[in-house]
Amino acid sequence: MDFEKKLKRLEDIVVKMEKGDLPLEESLQLFEEGVKLSRECHKRLNEAESQVKVLMGFDEKGEALTKDFVVEEN
């Protein structure tokens, strides 16, 4: 399942669980599925973040000068 489908499924799970009318067993199954999907999405986002480069300019040959994108945490 691709990232967008996982994210959509996770959103669907949240909506169902927020209603509060599910039996306990179904709630537990959805919760476990949601945690798994959340971890998979988070992992994919981290992988994508590591691939992002910042364009710094171009050298004399017209080649792109890049550096790794770093997220600054406050």
Protein backbone atom coordinates (compact mmCIF):
# COMPACT_ATOMS: atom_id res chain seq x y z
CA MET A 1 0.00 0.00 0.00
CA ASP A 2 1.45 3.39 -0.92
CA PHE A 3 1.87 6.31 1.48
CA GLU A 4 -1.29 8.15 0.45
CA LYS A 5 -3.46 5.04 0.85
CA LYS A 6 -1.96 4.34 4.28
CA LEU A 7 -2.60 7.92 5.36
CA LYS A 8 -6.20 7.77 4.10
CA ARG A 9 -6.78 4.48 5.94
CA LEU A 10 -5.33 6.00 9.10
CA GLU A 11 -7.71 8.98 8.76
CA ASP A 12 -10.65 6.57 8.30
CA ILE A 13 -9.64 4.71 11.46
CA VAL A 14 -9.48 7.95 13.45
CA VAL A 15 -12.96 8.97 12.28
CA LYS A 16 -14.43 5.58 13.22
CA MET A 17 -12.78 5.57 16.64
CA GLU A 18 -13.78 9.15 17.43
CA LYS A 19 -17.44 8.22 17.07
CA GLY A 20 -17.03 6.03 20.16
CA ASP A 21 -19.68 3.49 19.18
CA LEU A 22 -17.44 0.52 18.29
CA PRO A 23 -17.28 -2.69 20.28
CA LEU A 24 -14.13 -3.07 22.34
CA GLU A 25 -12.59 -5.80 20.17
CA GLU A 26 -13.06 -3.79 16.98
CA SER A 27 -11.65 -0.69 18.67
CA LEU A 28 -8.57 -2.64 19.73
CA GLN A 29 -8.05 -4.05 16.24
CA LEU A 30 -8.41 -0.62 14.65
CA PHE A 31 -6.08 0.89 17.24
CA GLU A 32 -3.40 -1.72 16.49
CA GLU A 33 -3.81 -1.19 12.75
CA GLY A 34 -3.62 2.57 13.25
CA VAL A 35 -0.42 2.35 15.27
CA LYS A 36 1.16 0.15 12.60
CA LEU A 37 0.11 2.52 9.81
CA SER A 38 1.31 5.53 11.76
CA ARG A 39 4.75 3.97 12.21
CA GLU A 40 4.97 3.04 8.54
CA CYS A 41 3.96 6.55 7.44
CA HIS A 42 6.42 8.13 9.86
CA LYS A 43 9.22 5.89 8.57
CA ARG A 44 8.43 6.82 4.96
CA LEU A 45 8.38 10.52 5.80
CA ASN A 46 11.79 10.20 7.46
CA GLU A 47 13.12 8.42 4.38
CA ALA A 48 11.74 11.13 2.10
CA GLU A 49 13.18 13.86 4.33
CA SER A 50 16.64 12.33 4.04
CA GLN A 51 16.38 12.57 0.25
CA VAL A 52 15.52 16.26 0.15
CA LYS A 53 18.33 18.57 -0.92
CA VAL A 54 18.55 22.34 -0.77
CA LEU A 55 19.55 24.01 -4.00
CA MET A 56 22.45 26.34 -3.19
CA GLY A 57 23.10 27.58 -6.71
CA PHE A 58 25.03 26.48 -9.77
CA ASP A 59 28.72 26.05 -10.45
CA GLU A 60 30.60 27.36 -13.48
CA LYS A 61 29.58 24.29 -15.50
CA GLY A 62 25.90 24.83 -14.73
CA GLU A 63 25.79 21.88 -12.32
CA ALA A 64 23.48 22.22 -9.35
CA LEU A 65 25.13 22.81 -5.99
CA THR A 66 23.13 21.18 -3.23
CA LYS A 67 23.37 20.38 0.45
CA ASP A 68 21.32 18.04 2.61
CA PHE A 69 18.15 19.51 4.04
CA VAL A 70 18.24 19.55 7.82
CA VAL A 71 15.15 20.15 9.93
CA GLU A 72 15.95 22.40 12.85
CA GLU A 73 14.08 21.37 15.97
CA ASN A 74 13.21 24.00 18.53
